Amino acid sequence: MQIIFTVSTDETGGFVARWDDALGGGITTQGENLAELQEMVRDAVSGYFADRDAPETVRLHFVDDPVIA
């Protein structure tokens, strides 16, 4: 199983990641930078799937390409 988070930037320059579960519910999390966002997504997925099979792959789909400098 694979899930794909849609990632957008927020008004402060951070990132918001969202995944909607087809069965209802889903996950929304955020991070101030890409490293923090990845950590927050891992933690949220682990918690959401604590009582059932976790996805084999978690992908991030960026609505806008991140700008480094």
Protein backbone atom coordinates (compact mmCIF):
# COMPACT_ATOMS: atom_id res chain seq x y z
CA MET A 1 0.00 0.00 0.00
CA GLN A 2 1.17 3.54 -0.76
CA ILE A 3 -0.11 6.88 0.46
CA ILE A 4 0.64 10.27 -1.07
CA PHE A 5 0.63 13.49 0.91
CA THR A 6 -0.11 16.74 -0.92
CA VAL A 7 2.38 19.35 0.29
CA SER A 8 1.89 23.09 0.05
CA THR A 9 3.65 26.05 1.59
CA ASP A 10 2.02 28.07 4.32
CA GLU A 11 2.07 31.82 4.83
CA THR A 12 5.17 31.64 7.08
CA GLY A 13 7.28 29.74 4.55
CA GLY A 14 6.79 26.35 6.21
CA PHE A 15 5.10 23.30 4.73
CA VAL A 16 1.71 21.64 5.27
CA ALA A 17 1.19 17.99 4.26
CA ARG A 18 -2.25 16.44 3.88
CA TRP A 19 -3.51 12.95 3.09
CA ASP A 20 -7.21 12.02 3.01
CA ASP A 21 -8.07 8.41 3.84
CA ALA A 22 -10.60 7.00 1.36
CA LEU A 23 -12.29 5.28 4.33
CA GLY A 24 -12.74 8.62 6.11
CA GLY A 25 -10.38 10.69 8.18
CA GLY A 26 -6.81 11.34 7.21
CA ILE A 27 -3.66 13.12 8.29
CA THR A 28 -2.65 16.76 8.21
CA THR A 29 0.70 17.87 9.64
CA GLN A 30 3.22 20.64 9.17
CA GLY A 31 6.87 21.51 9.49
CA GLU A 32 8.94 24.68 9.40
CA ASN A 33 11.37 23.11 6.90
CA LEU A 34 11.62 19.95 4.77
CA ALA A 35 13.54 17.95 7.38
CA GLU A 36 10.98 18.75 10.08
CA LEU A 37 8.10 18.02 7.69
CA GLN A 38 9.50 14.56 6.92
CA GLU A 39 9.86 13.82 10.63
CA MET A 40 6.32 15.01 11.34
CA VAL A 41 4.88 12.93 8.47
CA ARG A 42 6.68 9.79 9.73
CA ASP A 43 5.37 10.37 13.25
CA ALA A 44 1.81 11.07 12.07
CA VAL A 45 1.72 7.99 9.81
CA SER A 46 3.06 5.81 12.62
CA GLY A 47 0.34 7.03 14.97
CA TYR A 48 -2.48 6.84 12.42
CA PHE A 49 -1.64 3.27 11.45
CA ALA A 50 -0.75 2.06 14.97
CA ASP A 51 -3.59 -0.48 15.03
CA ARG A 52 -3.49 -1.62 11.39
CA ASP A 53 -1.05 -2.31 8.56
CA ALA A 54 1.09 0.72 7.80
CA PRO A 55 1.74 1.70 4.18
CA GLU A 56 4.90 0.37 2.55
CA THR A 57 5.57 3.71 0.86
CA VAL A 58 4.80 7.29 1.86
CA ARG A 59 5.32 9.92 -0.84
CA LEU A 60 5.24 13.69 -0.72
CA HIS A 61 3.72 15.47 -3.72
CA PHE A 62 4.64 19.16 -3.77
CA VAL A 63 2.01 21.48 -5.20
CA ASP A 64 4.78 24.07 -5.73
CA ASP A 65 8.45 23.20 -6.15
CA PRO A 66 10.43 24.10 -3.01
CA VAL A 67 12.83 27.02 -3.44
CA ILE A 68 16.15 26.55 -1.69
CA ALA A 69 17.65 29.99 -2.32
